[in-house]
Amino acid sequence: MADAEGHPTLAEMDLGRVLAALADPLRRRIVVLLAAEPEGGERPCGSFGLPVTKATRTHHFKVLREAGLIHQTDRGNSRTNRLRRAELEQRFPGLIALIEQEGLPVEA
């Protein structure tokens, strides 16, 4: 069962939902940038330079969170994001490496 913030458990991570989340170039950009962080590295939502409104940015992070790609932590009036690298590697071995090899999407 997902936690109170909507983070699915390892067993609840569904490949179809993960791939659907990654289909959007802006969401892939977020994942690539988080993958470049040191293990456990966090970034605030506003640090990704996405060319969208705050509401749209919030939607993108929600999709990534609910798919299980990221973990969000409330920090006062903002949220930080980290890639769930270890869990993703356990559930879908090699997926993050493939995303990293692709690099930043051109359409971002």
PDB file of N, CA and C in Angstrom:
ATOM      1  N   MET A   1       0.844  -1.185   0.000  1.00  0.00           N
ATOM      2  CA  MET A   1       0.000   0.000   0.000  1.00  0.00           C
ATOM      3  C   MET A   1       0.886   1.243   0.000  1.00  0.00           C
ATOM      4  N   ALA A   2       0.563   2.180  -0.874  1.00  0.00           N
ATOM      5  CA  ALA A   2       1.321   3.424  -0.946  1.00  0.00           C
ATOM      6  C   ALA A   2       1.264   4.153   0.393  1.00  0.00           C
ATOM      7  N   ASP A   3       2.315   4.934   0.680  1.00  0.00           N
ATOM      8  CA  ASP A   3       2.312   5.675   1.935  1.00  0.00           C
ATOM      9  C   ASP A   3       1.380   6.882   1.834  1.00  0.00           C
ATOM     10  N   ALA A   4       1.314   7.665   2.884  1.00  0.00           N
ATOM     11  CA  ALA A   4       0.377   8.797   2.950  1.00  0.00           C
ATOM     12  C   ALA A   4       0.629   9.837   1.866  1.00  0.00           C
ATOM     13  N   GLU A   5       1.855   9.931   1.381  1.00  0.00           N
ATOM     14  CA  GLU A   5       2.200  10.910   0.342  1.00  0.00           C
ATOM     15  C   GLU A   5       2.047  10.353  -1.068  1.00  0.00           C
ATOM     16  N   GLY A   6       1.687   9.072  -1.189  1.00  0.00           N
ATOM     17  CA  GLY A   6       1.472   8.492  -2.503  1.00  0.00           C
ATOM     18  C   GLY A   6       2.658   7.765  -3.097  1.00  0.00           C
ATOM     19  N   HIS A   7       3.685   7.486  -2.291  1.00  0.00           N
ATOM     20  CA  HIS A   7       4.840   6.725  -2.776  1.00  0.00           C
ATOM     21  C   HIS A   7       4.494   5.237  -2.737  1.00  0.00           C
ATOM     22  N   PRO A   8       4.488   4.557  -3.890  1.00  0.00           N
ATOM     23  CA  PRO A   8       4.165   3.132  -3.883  1.00  0.00           C
ATOM     24  C   PRO A   8       5.290   2.303  -3.257  1.00  0.00           C
ATOM     25  N   THR A   9       4.914   1.141  -2.747  1.00  0.00           N
ATOM     26  CA  THR A   9       5.920   0.204  -2.243  1.00  0.00           C
ATOM     27  C   THR A   9       6.629  -0.412  -3.445  1.00  0.00           C
ATOM     28  N   LEU A  10       7.705  -1.104  -3.171  1.00  0.00           N
ATOM     29  CA  LEU A  10       8.464  -1.762  -4.231  1.00  0.00           C
ATOM     30  C   LEU A  10       7.565  -2.710  -5.029  1.00  0.00           C
ATOM     31  N   ALA A  11       6.763  -3.507  -4.338  1.00  0.00           N
ATOM     32  CA  ALA A  11       5.887  -4.473  -5.004  1.00  0.00           C
ATOM     33  C   ALA A  11       4.803  -3.790  -5.838  1.00  0.00           C
ATOM     34  N   GLU A  12       4.431  -2.565  -5.483  1.00  0.00           N
ATOM     35  CA  GLU A  12       3.383  -1.840  -6.203  1.00  0.00           C
ATOM     36  C   GLU A  12       3.895  -1.120  -7.445  1.00  0.00           C
ATOM     37  N   MET A  13       5.207  -1.019  -7.605  1.00  0.00           N
ATOM     38  CA  MET A  13       5.754  -0.342  -8.782  1.00  0.00           C
ATOM     39  C   MET A  13       5.417  -1.166 -10.019  1.00  0.00           C
ATOM     40  N   ASP A  14       4.697  -0.549 -10.948  1.00  0.00           N
ATOM     41  CA  ASP A  14       4.221  -1.217 -12.149  1.00  0.00           C
ATOM     42  C   ASP A  14       5.004  -0.704 -13.352  1.00  0.00           C
ATOM     43  N   LEU A  15       5.540  -1.618 -14.166  1.00  0.00           N
ATOM     44  CA  LEU A  15       6.354  -1.223 -15.309  1.00  0.00           C
ATOM     45  C   LEU A  15       5.574  -0.329 -16.271  1.00  0.00           C
ATOM     46  N   GLY A  16       4.331  -0.648 -16.531  1.00  0.00           N
ATOM     47  CA  GLY A  16       3.530   0.179 -17.437  1.00  0.00           C
ATOM     48  C   GLY A  16       3.393   1.601 -16.944  1.00  0.00           C
ATOM     49  N   ARG A  17       3.165   1.747 -15.657  1.00  0.00           N
ATOM     50  CA  ARG A  17       3.015   3.089 -15.077  1.00  0.00           C
ATOM     51  C   ARG A  17       4.349   3.847 -15.099  1.00  0.00           C
ATOM     52  N   VAL A  18       5.439   3.137 -14.831  1.00  0.00           N
ATOM     53  CA  VAL A  18       6.769   3.756 -14.875  1.00  0.00           C
ATOM     54  C   VAL A  18       7.077   4.225 -16.298  1.00  0.00           C
ATOM     55  N   LEU A  19       6.833   3.360 -17.282  1.00  0.00           N
ATOM     56  CA  LEU A  19       7.108   3.739 -18.669  1.00  0.00           C
ATOM     57  C   LEU A  19       6.202   4.871 -19.135  1.00  0.00           C
ATOM     58  N   ALA A  20       4.950   4.880 -18.696  1.00  0.00           N
ATOM     59  CA  ALA A  20       4.046   5.979 -19.044  1.00  0.00           C
ATOM     60  C   ALA A  20       4.555   7.296 -18.459  1.00  0.00           C
ATOM     61  N   ALA A  21       5.051   7.252 -17.241  1.00  0.00           N
ATOM     62  CA  ALA A  21       5.607   8.461 -16.619  1.00  0.00           C
ATOM     63  C   ALA A  21       6.836   8.945 -17.381  1.00  0.00           C
ATOM     64  N   LEU A  22       7.649   8.000 -17.848  1.00  0.00           N
ATOM     65  CA  LEU A  22       8.877   8.352 -18.565  1.00  0.00           C
ATOM     66  C   LEU A  22       8.637   8.750 -20.020  1.00  0.00           C
ATOM     67  N   ALA A  23       7.422   8.547 -20.520  1.00  0.00           N
ATOM     68  CA  ALA A  23       7.115   8.893 -21.907  1.00  0.00           C
ATOM     69  C   ALA A  23       7.171  10.396 -22.149  1.00  0.00           C
ATOM     70  N   ASP A  24       6.958  11.173 -21.117  1.00  0.00           N
ATOM     71  CA  ASP A  24       6.979  12.626 -21.249  1.00  0.00           C
ATOM     72  C   ASP A  24       8.420  13.128 -21.152  1.00  0.00           C
ATOM     73  N   PRO A  25       8.879  13.936 -22.115  1.00  0.00           N
ATOM     74  CA  PRO A  25      10.273  14.396 -22.096  1.00  0.00           C
ATOM     75  C   PRO A  25      10.638  15.244 -20.873  1.00  0.00           C
ATOM     76  N   LEU A  26       9.700  16.025 -20.358  1.00  0.00           N
ATOM     77  CA  LEU A  26      10.019  16.832 -19.175  1.00  0.00           C
ATOM     78  C   LEU A  26      10.209  15.942 -17.949  1.00  0.00           C
ATOM     79  N   ARG A  27       9.406  14.905 -17.836  1.00  0.00           N
ATOM     80  CA  ARG A  27       9.573  13.986 -16.704  1.00  0.00           C
ATOM     81  C   ARG A  27      10.861  13.186 -16.838  1.00  0.00           C
ATOM     82  N   ARG A  28      11.213  12.782 -18.077  1.00  0.00           N
ATOM     83  CA  ARG A  28      12.507  12.108 -18.264  1.00  0.00           C
ATOM     84  C   ARG A  28      13.642  13.043 -17.899  1.00  0.00           C
ATOM     85  N   ARG A  29      13.503  14.308 -18.230  1.00  0.00           N
ATOM     86  CA  ARG A  29      14.532  15.301 -17.889  1.00  0.00           C
ATOM     87  C   ARG A  29      14.729  15.343 -16.370  1.00  0.00           C
ATOM     88  N   ILE A  30      13.643  15.356 -15.624  1.00  0.00           N
ATOM     89  CA  ILE A  30      13.728  15.367 -14.159  1.00  0.00           C
ATOM     90  C   ILE A  30      14.483  14.140 -13.677  1.00  0.00           C
ATOM     91  N   VAL A  31      14.145  12.978 -14.211  1.00  0.00           N
ATOM     92  CA  VAL A  31      14.795  11.728 -13.794  1.00  0.00           C
ATOM     93  C   VAL A  31      16.283  11.748 -14.147  1.00  0.00           C
ATOM     94  N   VAL A  32      16.627  12.213 -15.346  1.00  0.00           N
ATOM     95  CA  VAL A  32      18.036  12.282 -15.750  1.00  0.00           C
ATOM     96  C   VAL A  32      18.812  13.217 -14.821  1.00  0.00           C
ATOM     97  N   LEU A  33      18.232  14.359 -14.504  1.00  0.00           N
ATOM     98  CA  LEU A  33      18.910  15.310 -13.618  1.00  0.00           C
ATOM     99  C   LEU A  33      19.062  14.745 -12.209  1.00  0.00           C
ATOM    100  N   LEU A  34      18.056  14.039 -11.718  1.00  0.00           N
ATOM    101  CA  LEU A  34      18.168  13.412 -10.394  1.00  0.00           C
ATOM    102  C   LEU A  34      19.182  12.268 -10.416  1.00  0.00           C
ATOM    103  N   ALA A  35      19.252  11.554 -11.531  1.00  0.00           N
ATOM    104  CA  ALA A  35      20.221  10.456 -11.646  1.00  0.00           C
ATOM    105  C   ALA A  35      21.654  10.975 -11.609  1.00  0.00           C
ATOM    106  N   ALA A  36      21.857  12.221 -12.023  1.00  0.00           N
ATOM    107  CA  ALA A  36      23.190  12.823 -12.009  1.00  0.00           C
ATOM    108  C   ALA A  36      23.623  13.257 -10.606  1.00  0.00           C
ATOM    109  N   GLU A  37      22.676  13.319  -9.688  1.00  0.00           N
ATOM    110  CA  GLU A  37      22.988  13.686  -8.307  1.00  0.00           C
ATOM    111  C   GLU A  37      23.714  12.524  -7.621  1.00  0.00           C
ATOM    112  N   PRO A  38      24.517  12.814  -6.608  1.00  0.00           N
ATOM    113  CA  PRO A  38      25.111  11.719  -5.832  1.00  0.00           C
ATOM    114  C   PRO A  38      24.009  10.880  -5.187  1.00  0.00           C
ATOM    115  N   GLU A  39      24.309   9.636  -4.866  1.00  0.00           N
ATOM    116  CA  GLU A  39      23.319   8.741  -4.250  1.00  0.00           C
ATOM    117  C   GLU A  39      22.643   9.446  -3.078  1.00  0.00           C
ATOM    118  N   GLY A  40      21.314   9.474  -3.103  1.00  0.00           N
ATOM    119  CA  GLY A  40      20.551  10.125  -2.041  1.00  0.00           C
ATOM    120  C   GLY A  40      20.419  11.625  -2.205  1.00  0.00           C
ATOM    121  N   GLY A  41      21.007  12.176  -3.274  1.00  0.00           N
ATOM    122  CA  GLY A  41      20.943  13.620  -3.496  1.00  0.00           C
ATOM    123  C   GLY A  41      19.521  14.084  -3.751  1.00  0.00           C
ATOM    124  N   GLU A  42      19.184  15.235  -3.201  1.00  0.00           N
ATOM    125  CA  GLU A  42      17.847  15.803  -3.332  1.00  0.00           C
ATOM    126  C   GLU A  42      17.909  17.152  -4.024  1.00  0.00           C
ATOM    127  N   ARG A  43      16.836  17.478  -4.728  1.00  0.00           N
ATOM    128  CA  ARG A  43      16.710  18.790  -5.369  1.00  0.00           C
ATOM    129  C   ARG A  43      15.304  19.309  -5.148  1.00  0.00           C
ATOM    130  N   PRO A  44      15.165  20.620  -4.919  1.00  0.00           N
ATOM    131  CA  PRO A  44      13.820  21.201  -4.812  1.00  0.00           C
ATOM    132  C   PRO A  44      13.135  21.238  -6.178  1.00  0.00           C
ATOM    133  N   CYS A  45      11.826  21.224  -6.164  1.00  0.00           N
ATOM    134  CA  CYS A  45      11.040  21.192  -7.405  1.00  0.00           C
ATOM    135  C   CYS A  45      11.392  22.340  -8.355  1.00  0.00           C
ATOM    136  N   GLY A  46      11.636  23.511  -7.816  1.00  0.00           N
ATOM    137  CA  GLY A  46      11.908  24.678  -8.650  1.00  0.00           C
ATOM    138  C   GLY A  46      13.290  24.715  -9.265  1.00  0.00           C
ATOM    139  N   SER A  47      14.152  23.768  -8.934  1.00  0.00           N
ATOM    140  CA  SER A  47      15.544  23.814  -9.406  1.00  0.00           C
ATOM    141  C   SER A  47      15.762  23.152 -10.764  1.00  0.00           C
ATOM    142  N   PHE A  48      14.711  22.627 -11.388  1.00  0.00           N
ATOM    143  CA  PHE A  48      14.879  21.887 -12.637  1.00  0.00           C
ATOM    144  C   PHE A  48      14.740  22.749 -13.882  1.00  0.00           C
ATOM    145  N   GLY A  49      14.313  23.989 -13.718  1.00  0.00           N
ATOM    146  CA  GLY A  49      14.200  24.907 -14.851  1.00  0.00           C
ATOM    147  C   GLY A  49      13.208  24.456 -15.912  1.00  0.00           C
ATOM    148  N   LEU A  50      12.091  23.899 -15.490  1.00  0.00           N
ATOM    149  CA  LEU A  50      11.092  23.420 -16.444  1.00  0.00           C
ATOM    150  C   LEU A  50      10.303  24.599 -17.015  1.00  0.00           C
ATOM    151  N   PRO A  51      10.095  24.622 -18.331  1.00  0.00           N
ATOM    152  CA  PRO A  51       9.396  25.752 -18.965  1.00  0.00           C
ATOM    153  C   PRO A  51       7.872  25.594 -18.920  1.00  0.00           C
ATOM    154  N   VAL A  52       7.348  25.382 -17.703  1.00  0.00           N
ATOM    155  CA  VAL A  52       5.907  25.168 -17.526  1.00  0.00           C
ATOM    156  C   VAL A  52       5.448  25.939 -16.294  1.00  0.00           C
ATOM    157  N   THR A  53       4.130  26.051 -16.149  1.00  0.00           N
ATOM    158  CA  THR A  53       3.579  26.725 -14.980  1.00  0.00           C
ATOM    159  C   THR A  53       3.809  25.882 -13.728  1.00  0.00           C
ATOM    160  N   LYS A  54       3.641  26.496 -12.579  1.00  0.00           N
ATOM    161  CA  LYS A  54       3.812  25.777 -11.317  1.00  0.00           C
ATOM    162  C   LYS A  54       2.827  24.616 -11.207  1.00  0.00           C
ATOM    163  N   ALA A  55       1.591  24.809 -11.645  1.00  0.00           N
ATOM    164  CA  ALA A  55       0.591  23.739 -11.584  1.00  0.00           C
ATOM    165  C   ALA A  55       0.992  22.552 -12.458  1.00  0.00           C
ATOM    166  N   THR A  56       1.505  22.830 -13.634  1.00  0.00           N
ATOM    167  CA  THR A  56       1.936  21.753 -14.533  1.00  0.00           C
ATOM    168  C   THR A  56       3.158  21.046 -13.953  1.00  0.00           C
ATOM    169  N   ARG A  57       4.066  21.809 -13.386  1.00  0.00           N
ATOM    170  CA  ARG A  57       5.252  21.219 -12.741  1.00  0.00           C
ATOM    171  C   ARG A  57       4.819  20.297 -11.596  1.00  0.00           C
ATOM    172  N   THR A  58       3.859  20.744 -10.800  1.00  0.00           N
ATOM    173  CA  THR A  58       3.337  19.926  -9.706  1.00  0.00           C
ATOM    174  C   THR A  58       2.757  18.625 -10.242  1.00  0.00           C
ATOM    175  N   HIS A  59       2.041  18.698 -11.344  1.00  0.00           N
ATOM    176  CA  HIS A  59       1.466  17.499 -11.964  1.00  0.00           C
ATOM    177  C   HIS A  59       2.566  16.521 -12.383  1.00  0.00           C
ATOM    178  N   HIS A  60       3.618  17.025 -13.016  1.00  0.00           N
ATOM    179  CA  HIS A  60       4.710  16.153 -13.454  1.00  0.00           C
ATOM    180  C   HIS A  60       5.348  15.426 -12.265  1.00  0.00           C
ATOM    181  N   PHE A  61       5.586  16.141 -11.182  1.00  0.00           N
ATOM    182  CA  PHE A  61       6.184  15.506 -10.003  1.00  0.00           C
ATOM    183  C   PHE A  61       5.223  14.489  -9.383  1.00  0.00           C
ATOM    184  N   LYS A  62       3.941  14.773  -9.421  1.00  0.00           N
ATOM    185  CA  LYS A  62       2.959  13.812  -8.892  1.00  0.00           C
ATOM    186  C   LYS A  62       2.987  12.516  -9.699  1.00  0.00           C
ATOM    187  N   VAL A  63       3.036  12.623 -11.013  1.00  0.00           N
ATOM    188  CA  VAL A  63       3.084  11.432 -11.872  1.00  0.00           C
ATOM    189  C   VAL A  63       4.335  10.611 -11.562  1.00  0.00           C
ATOM    190  N   LEU A  64       5.483  11.273 -11.434  1.00  0.00           N
ATOM    191  CA  LEU A  64       6.736  10.565 -11.123  1.00  0.00           C
ATOM    192  C   LEU A  64       6.669   9.911  -9.744  1.00  0.00           C
ATOM    193  N   ARG A  65       6.108  10.622  -8.775  1.00  0.00           N
ATOM    194  CA  ARG A  65       5.990  10.086  -7.415  1.00  0.00           C
ATOM    195  C   ARG A  65       5.073   8.870  -7.385  1.00  0.00           C
ATOM    196  N   GLU A  66       3.903   8.987  -8.003  1.00  0.00           N
ATOM    197  CA  GLU A  66       2.929   7.899  -7.967  1.00  0.00           C
ATOM    198  C   GLU A  66       3.371   6.684  -8.781  1.00  0.00           C
ATOM    199  N   ALA A  67       4.276   6.880  -9.741  1.00  0.00           N
ATOM    200  CA  ALA A  67       4.833   5.752 -10.488  1.00  0.00           C
ATOM    201  C   ALA A  67       5.942   5.063  -9.693  1.00  0.00           C
ATOM    202  N   GLY A  68       6.474   5.776  -8.698  1.00  0.00           N
ATOM    203  CA  GLY A  68       7.537   5.206  -7.875  1.00  0.00           C
ATOM    204  C   GLY A  68       8.929   5.605  -8.298  1.00  0.00           C
ATOM    205  N   LEU A  69       9.051   6.539  -9.224  1.00  0.00           N
ATOM    206  CA  LEU A  69      10.364   6.947  -9.705  1.00  0.00           C
ATOM    207  C   LEU A  69      11.088   7.878  -8.739  1.00  0.00           C
ATOM    208  N   ILE A  70      10.337   8.715  -8.046  1.00  0.00           N
ATOM    209  CA  ILE A  70      10.954   9.666  -7.123  1.00  0.00           C
ATOM    210  C   ILE A  70      10.320   9.553  -5.745  1.00  0.00           C
ATOM    211  N   HIS A  71      11.058  10.058  -4.778  1.00  0.00           N
ATOM    212  CA  HIS A  71      10.532  10.194  -3.419  1.00  0.00           C
ATOM    213  C   HIS A  71      10.574  11.670  -3.095  1.00  0.00           C
ATOM    214  N   GLN A  72       9.457  12.199  -2.631  1.00  0.00           N
ATOM    215  CA  GLN A  72       9.381  13.611  -2.271  1.00  0.00           C
ATOM    216  C   GLN A  72       9.318  13.755  -0.758  1.00  0.00           C
ATOM    217  N   THR A  73       9.999  14.780  -0.257  1.00  0.00           N
ATOM    218  CA  THR A  73      10.011  15.087   1.161  1.00  0.00           C
ATOM    219  C   THR A  73       9.608  16.541   1.345  1.00  0.00           C
ATOM    220  N   ASP A  74       8.643  16.781   2.224  1.00  0.00           N
ATOM    221  CA  ASP A  74       8.246  18.157   2.535  1.00  0.00           C
ATOM    222  C   ASP A  74       9.329  18.826   3.361  1.00  0.00           C
ATOM    223  N   ARG A  75       9.709  20.023   2.963  1.00  0.00           N
ATOM    224  CA  ARG A  75      10.688  20.841   3.671  1.00  0.00           C
ATOM    225  C   ARG A  75      10.077  22.218   3.894  1.00  0.00           C
ATOM    226  N   GLY A  76       9.214  22.305   4.883  1.00  0.00           N
ATOM    227  CA  GLY A  76       8.538  23.582   5.145  1.00  0.00           C
ATOM    228  C   GLY A  76       7.556  23.892   4.043  1.00  0.00           C
ATOM    229  N   ASN A  77       7.799  24.974   3.305  1.00  0.00           N
ATOM    230  CA  ASN A  77       6.874  25.361   2.246  1.00  0.00           C
ATOM    231  C   ASN A  77       7.329  24.886   0.865  1.00  0.00           C
ATOM    232  N   SER A  78       8.258  23.944   0.820  1.00  0.00           N
ATOM    233  CA  SER A  78       8.693  23.388  -0.462  1.00  0.00           C
ATOM    234  C   SER A  78       8.883  21.879  -0.322  1.00  0.00           C
ATOM    235  N   ARG A  79       9.180  21.235  -1.428  1.00  0.00           N
ATOM    236  CA  ARG A  79       9.429  19.798  -1.451  1.00  0.00           C
ATOM    237  C   ARG A  79      10.753  19.535  -2.134  1.00  0.00           C
ATOM    238  N   THR A  80      11.440  18.510  -1.639  1.00  0.00           N
ATOM    239  CA  THR A  80      12.640  18.060  -2.325  1.00  0.00           C
ATOM    240  C   THR A  80      12.358  16.698  -2.945  1.00  0.00           C
ATOM    241  N   ASN A  81      13.130  16.384  -3.945  1.00  0.00           N
ATOM    242  CA  ASN A  81      12.941  15.165  -4.717  1.00  0.00           C
ATOM    243  C   ASN A  81      14.245  14.401  -4.784  1.00  0.00           C
ATOM    244  N   ARG A  82      14.138  13.079  -4.674  1.00  0.00           N
ATOM    245  CA  ARG A  82      15.298  12.224  -4.901  1.00  0.00           C
ATOM    246  C   ARG A  82      14.849  11.027  -5.718  1.00  0.00           C
ATOM    247  N   LEU A  83      15.744  10.537  -6.530  1.00  0.00           N
ATOM    248  CA  LEU A  83      15.476   9.367  -7.343  1.00  0.00           C
ATOM    249  C   LEU A  83      15.475   8.134  -6.451  1.00  0.00           C
ATOM    250  N   ARG A  84      14.532   7.249  -6.640  1.00  0.00           N
ATOM    251  CA  ARG A  84      14.473   6.005  -5.865  1.00  0.00           C
ATOM    252  C   ARG A  84      15.351   4.957  -6.566  1.00  0.00           C
ATOM    253  N   ARG A  85      16.615   5.289  -6.710  1.00  0.00           N
ATOM    254  CA  ARG A  85      17.558   4.510  -7.502  1.00  0.00           C
ATOM    255  C   ARG A  85      17.648   3.051  -7.039  1.00  0.00           C
ATOM    256  N   ALA A  86      17.871   2.822  -5.758  1.00  0.00           N
ATOM    257  CA  ALA A  86      18.051   1.451  -5.258  1.00  0.00           C
ATOM    258  C   ALA A  86      16.791   0.618  -5.475  1.00  0.00           C
ATOM    259  N   GLU A  87      15.639   1.203  -5.182  1.00  0.00           N
ATOM    260  CA  GLU A  87      14.384   0.477  -5.361  1.00  0.00           C
ATOM    261  C   GLU A  87      14.120   0.183  -6.839  1.00  0.00           C
ATOM    262  N   LEU A  88      14.392   1.166  -7.700  1.00  0.00           N
ATOM    263  CA  LEU A  88      14.179   0.972  -9.132  1.00  0.00           C
ATOM    264  C   LEU A  88      15.127  -0.080  -9.688  1.00  0.00           C
ATOM    265  N   GLU A  89      16.365  -0.063  -9.226  1.00  0.00           N
ATOM    266  CA  GLU A  89      17.334  -1.051  -9.699  1.00  0.00           C
ATOM    267  C   GLU A  89      16.922  -2.457  -9.260  1.00  0.00           C
ATOM    268  N   GLN A  90      16.368  -2.556  -8.075  1.00  0.00           N
ATOM    269  CA  GLN A  90      15.913  -3.849  -7.581  1.00  0.00           C
ATOM    270  C   GLN A  90      14.697  -4.342  -8.374  1.00  0.00           C
ATOM    271  N   ARG A  91      13.757  -3.450  -8.635  1.00  0.00           N
ATOM    272  CA  ARG A  91      12.507  -3.833  -9.301  1.00  0.00           C
ATOM    273  C   ARG A  91      12.674  -3.957 -10.816  1.00  0.00           C
ATOM    274  N   PHE A  92      13.420  -3.012 -11.416  1.00  0.00           N
ATOM    275  CA  PHE A  92      13.603  -2.974 -12.871  1.00  0.00           C
ATOM    276  C   PHE A  92      15.093  -2.798 -13.188  1.00  0.00           C
ATOM    277  N   PRO A  93      15.876  -3.858 -13.047  1.00  0.00           N
ATOM    278  CA  PRO A  93      17.336  -3.762 -13.242  1.00  0.00           C
ATOM    279  C   PRO A  93      17.699  -3.157 -14.602  1.00  0.00           C
ATOM    280  N   GLY A  94      18.588  -2.175 -14.560  1.00  0.00           N
ATOM    281  CA  GLY A  94      19.094  -1.557 -15.779  1.00  0.00           C
ATOM    282  C   GLY A  94      18.282  -0.394 -16.310  1.00  0.00           C
ATOM    283  N   LEU A  95      17.100  -0.144 -15.765  1.00  0.00           N
ATOM    284  CA  LEU A  95      16.247   0.924 -16.282  1.00  0.00           C
ATOM    285  C   LEU A  95      16.909   2.294 -16.146  1.00  0.00           C
ATOM    286  N   ILE A  96      17.439   2.585 -14.980  1.00  0.00           N
ATOM    287  CA  ILE A  96      18.058   3.905 -14.769  1.00  0.00           C
ATOM    288  C   ILE A  96      19.284   4.073 -15.670  1.00  0.00           C
ATOM    289  N   ALA A  97      20.050   3.010 -15.848  1.00  0.00           N
ATOM    290  CA  ALA A  97      21.217   3.083 -16.742  1.00  0.00           C
ATOM    291  C   ALA A  97      20.783   3.434 -18.172  1.00  0.00           C
ATOM    292  N   LEU A  98      19.683   2.858 -18.635  1.00  0.00           N
ATOM    293  CA  LEU A  98      19.181   3.170 -19.978  1.00  0.00           C
ATOM    294  C   LEU A  98      18.777   4.638 -20.081  1.00  0.00           C
ATOM    295  N   ILE A  99      18.115   5.133 -19.054  1.00  0.00           N
ATOM    296  CA  ILE A  99      17.680   6.531 -19.055  1.00  0.00           C
ATOM    297  C   ILE A  99      18.892   7.459 -19.033  1.00  0.00           C
ATOM    298  N   GLU A 100      19.890   7.111 -18.231  1.00  0.00           N
ATOM    299  CA  GLU A 100      21.105   7.922 -18.163  1.00  0.00           C
ATOM    300  C   GLU A 100      21.833   7.930 -19.504  1.00  0.00           C
ATOM    301  N   GLN A 101      21.882   6.790 -20.198  1.00  0.00           N
ATOM    302  CA  GLN A 101      22.545   6.718 -21.507  1.00  0.00           C
ATOM    303  C   GLN A 101      21.869   7.612 -22.532  1.00  0.00           C
ATOM    304  N   GLU A 102      20.538   7.707 -22.453  1.00  0.00           N
ATOM    305  CA  GLU A 102      19.817   8.560 -23.381  1.00  0.00           C
ATOM    306  C   GLU A 102      20.187  10.017 -23.172  1.00  0.00           C
ATOM    307  N   GLY A 103      20.422  10.412 -21.941  1.00  0.00           N
ATOM    308  CA  GLY A 103      20.751  11.797 -21.634  1.00  0.00           C
ATOM    309  C   GLY A 103      19.512  12.671 -21.581  1.00  0.00           C
ATOM    310  N   LEU A 104      19.716  13.967 -21.596  1.00  0.00           N
ATOM    311  CA  LEU A 104      18.602  14.914 -21.515  1.00  0.00           C
ATOM    312  C   LEU A 104      17.799  14.898 -22.799  1.00  0.00           C
ATOM    313  N   PRO A 105      16.486  14.801 -22.695  1.00  0.00           N
ATOM    314  CA  PRO A 105      15.635  14.821 -23.893  1.00  0.00           C
ATOM    315  C   PRO A 105      15.771  16.136 -24.630  1.00  0.00           C
ATOM    316  N   VAL A 106      15.730  16.085 -25.941  1.00  0.00           N
ATOM    317  CA  VAL A 106      15.854  17.276 -26.786  1.00  0.00           C
ATOM    318  C   VAL A 106      14.642  18.169 -26.630  1.00  0.00           C
ATOM    319  N   GLU A 107      13.459  17.577 -26.419  1.00  0.00           N
ATOM    320  CA  GLU A 107      12.213  18.337 -26.381  1.00  0.00           C
ATOM    321  C   GLU A 107      11.979  19.068 -25.059  1.00  0.00           C
ATOM    322  N   ALA A 108      12.947  19.129 -24.169  1.00  0.00           N
ATOM    323  CA  ALA A 108      12.729  19.730 -22.852  1.00  0.00           C
ATOM    324  C   ALA A 108      12.744  21.206 -22.907  1.00  0.00           C
TER     325      ALA A 108
END
